[in-house]
C-alpha atoms as a PDB file:
ATOM      1  CA  MET A   1    -163.016 265.347  52.555  1.00  0.00           C
ATOM      2  CA  ALA A   2    -164.552 267.992  54.456  1.00  0.00           C
ATOM      3  CA  THR A   3    -164.366 266.459  57.901  1.00  0.00           C
ATOM      4  CA  GLY A   4    -165.142 269.690  60.557  1.00  0.00           C
ATOM      5  CA  CYS A   5    -166.461 271.836  57.110  1.00  0.00           C
ATOM      6  CA  ARG A   6    -169.389 273.433  57.957  1.00  0.00           C
ATOM      7  CA  HIS A   7    -170.655 272.620  54.304  1.00  0.00           C
ATOM      8  CA  THR A   8    -172.212 270.069  53.075  1.00  0.00           C
ATOM      9  CA  GLU A   9    -169.976 267.414  51.601  1.00  0.00           C
ATOM     10  CA  ARG A  10    -172.419 267.777  48.031  1.00  0.00           C
ATOM     11  CA  TYR A  11    -171.695 271.483  48.625  1.00  0.00           C
ATOM     12  CA  VAL A  12    -168.162 271.126  48.779  1.00  0.00           C
ATOM     13  CA  THR A  13    -168.052 268.774  45.634  1.00  0.00           C
ATOM     14  CA  THR A  14    -170.117 270.957  43.594  1.00  0.00           C
ATOM     15  CA  GLY A  15    -168.123 273.884  43.883  1.00  0.00           C
ATOM     16  CA  LEU A  16    -164.833 271.652  43.327  1.00  0.00           C
ATOM     17  CA  GLU A  17    -166.534 269.965  40.323  1.00  0.00           C
ATOM     18  CA  ARG A  18    -167.337 273.490  38.894  1.00  0.00           C
ATOM     19  CA  GLY A  19    -164.300 275.237  39.220  1.00  0.00           C
ATOM     20  CA  LEU A  20    -162.252 272.157  37.687  1.00  0.00           C
ATOM     21  CA  ALA A  21    -164.688 272.549  34.847  1.00  0.00           C
ATOM     22  CA  ARG A  22    -163.800 276.126  34.843  1.00  0.00           C
ATOM     23  CA  ILE A  23    -159.794 275.296  34.712  1.00  0.00           C
ATOM     24  CA  LYS A  24    -160.887 272.637  31.223  1.00  0.00           C
ATOM     25  CA  ASP A  25    -162.327 275.134  29.623  1.00  0.00           C
ATOM     26  CA  GLN A  26    -159.211 277.336  29.418  1.00  0.00           C
ATOM     27  CA  PRO A  27    -156.309 274.471  27.202  1.00  0.00           C
ATOM     28  CA  ASP A  28    -155.419 276.862  25.409  1.00  0.00           C
ATOM     29  CA  LYS A  29    -154.709 279.712  27.417  1.00  0.00           C
ATOM     30  CA  GLY A  30    -155.993 281.443  31.015  1.00  0.00           C
ATOM     31  CA  ALA A  31    -156.127 277.822  32.860  1.00  0.00           C
ATOM     32  CA  GLY A  32    -153.589 279.003  35.530  1.00  0.00           C
ATOM     33  CA  THR A  33    -155.233 282.301  36.070  1.00  0.00           C
ATOM     34  CA  ALA A  34    -158.466 280.021  36.178  1.00  0.00           C
ATOM     35  CA  ALA A  35    -156.718 277.434  38.578  1.00  0.00           C
ATOM     36  CA  TYR A  36    -155.848 280.874  41.077  1.00  0.00           C
ATOM     37  CA  GLY A  37    -159.276 281.688  41.312  1.00  0.00           C
ATOM     38  CA  VAL A  38    -160.938 278.676  41.681  1.00  0.00           C
ATOM     39  CA  ALA A  39    -158.814 278.315  44.761  1.00  0.00           C
ATOM     40  CA  ARG A  40    -159.086 281.814  45.969  1.00  0.00           C
ATOM     41  CA  PHE A  41    -162.974 281.330  45.301  1.00  0.00           C
ATOM     42  CA  LEU A  42    -163.021 277.762  47.018  1.00  0.00           C
ATOM     43  CA  ALA A  43    -160.925 279.201  50.275  1.00  0.00           C
ATOM     44  CA  GLY A  44    -163.019 282.021  50.696  1.00  0.00           C
ATOM     45  CA  GLN A  45    -166.166 279.953  51.000  1.00  0.00           C
ATOM     46  CA  HIS A  46    -164.388 278.469  53.723  1.00  0.00           C
ATOM     47  CA  THR A  47    -162.810 280.883  55.963  1.00  0.00           C
ATOM     48  CA  GLN A  48    -165.761 280.491  58.626  1.00  0.00           C
ATOM     49  CA  CYS A  49    -165.256 277.014  58.817  1.00  0.00           C
ATOM     50  CA  PRO A  50    -163.973 275.133  62.235  1.00  0.00           C
ATOM     51  CA  GLY A  51    -161.979 273.084  59.867  1.00  0.00           C
ATOM     52  CA  PRO A  52    -160.502 270.776  58.135  1.00  0.00           C
ATOM     53  CA  CYS A  53    -162.154 271.638  54.762  1.00  0.00           C
ATOM     54  CA  GLY A  54    -159.592 269.777  53.214  1.00  0.00           C
ATOM     55  CA  LEU A  55    -158.195 272.792  51.303  1.00  0.00           C
ATOM     56  CA  ASP A  56    -154.975 270.961  50.456  1.00  0.00           C
ATOM     57  CA  ALA A  57    -156.701 267.802  48.881  1.00  0.00           C
ATOM     58  CA  MET A  58    -158.710 270.194  46.962  1.00  0.00           C
ATOM     59  CA  GLY A  59    -155.813 272.202  46.044  1.00  0.00           C
ATOM     60  CA  GLU A  60    -153.922 269.470  45.287  1.00  0.00           C
ATOM     61  CA  GLN A  61    -156.947 268.490  42.409  1.00  0.00           C
ATOM     62  CA  ILE A  62    -157.090 272.069  41.036  1.00  0.00           C
ATOM     63  CA  ILE A  63    -153.537 271.702  40.502  1.00  0.00           C
ATOM     64  CA  ALA A  64    -153.875 268.384  38.825  1.00  0.00           C
ATOM     65  CA  GLU A  65    -156.110 269.476  35.861  1.00  0.00           C
ATOM     66  CA  ALA A  66    -154.177 272.543  35.648  1.00  0.00           C
ATOM     67  CA  VAL A  67    -151.353 270.290  34.504  1.00  0.00           C
ATOM     68  CA  ALA A  68    -153.562 268.375  32.519  1.00  0.00           C
ATOM     69  CA  VAL A  69    -154.164 271.696  30.638  1.00  0.00           C
ATOM     70  CA  ASN A  70    -150.447 272.019  30.007  1.00  0.00           C
ATOM     71  CA  VAL A  71    -150.297 274.690  32.505  1.00  0.00           C
ATOM     72  CA  PRO A  72    -146.264 273.920  33.875  1.00  0.00           C
ATOM     73  CA  GLU A  73    -146.318 272.131  37.499  1.00  0.00           C
ATOM     74  CA  PRO A  74    -144.731 274.632  39.063  1.00  0.00           C
ATOM     75  CA  TYR A  75    -146.868 277.436  37.921  1.00  0.00           C
ATOM     76  CA  ALA A  76    -150.158 275.551  39.047  1.00  0.00           C
ATOM     77  CA  ARG A  77    -148.308 274.885  42.366  1.00  0.00           C
ATOM     78  CA  ARG A  78    -147.283 278.631  42.917  1.00  0.00           C
ATOM     79  CA  ALA A  79    -151.127 279.831  41.253  1.00  0.00           C
ATOM     80  CA  VAL A  80    -153.529 277.549  43.925  1.00  0.00           C
ATOM     81  CA  ALA A  81    -150.857 278.577  46.816  1.00  0.00           C
ATOM     82  CA  ASN A  82    -151.184 282.264  45.925  1.00  0.00           C
ATOM     83  CA  GLY A  83    -155.002 282.277  45.018  1.00  0.00           C
ATOM     84  CA  MET A  84    -155.340 280.289  48.777  1.00  0.00           C
ATOM     85  CA  GLY A  85    -153.403 282.548  50.508  1.00  0.00           C
ATOM     86  CA  ALA A  86    -154.800 285.514  49.334  1.00  0.00           C
ATOM     87  CA  VAL A  87    -157.686 284.688  51.231  1.00  0.00           C
ATOM     88  CA  LEU A  88    -156.138 282.387  54.014  1.00  0.00           C
ATOM     89  CA  GLY A  89    -152.934 284.853  54.439  1.00  0.00           C
ATOM     90  CA  ALA A  90    -149.904 283.253  52.759  1.00  0.00           C
ATOM     91  CA  THR A  91    -148.260 283.502  49.646  1.00  0.00           C
ATOM     92  CA  THR A  92    -145.290 282.645  47.910  1.00  0.00           C
END
């Protein structure tokens, strides 16, 4: 997952798991916003990495968790893209 990343695999996995739990805890409303926040946070943790850090795979996991709590997939994809893009420089 995190080949080339400056973080340990455990660090990356723990951050992702905590973020997914945050999304899961918002099943009625706010899961899309949580997906944006998690994506933004994770991208921010990897701005200084030589990469690749597996952000695309993590983004797909964030999207899947948001969809699992009834966020429409297009909205979830846009939230994750915008969250990562806010840090990495590209938004949709």
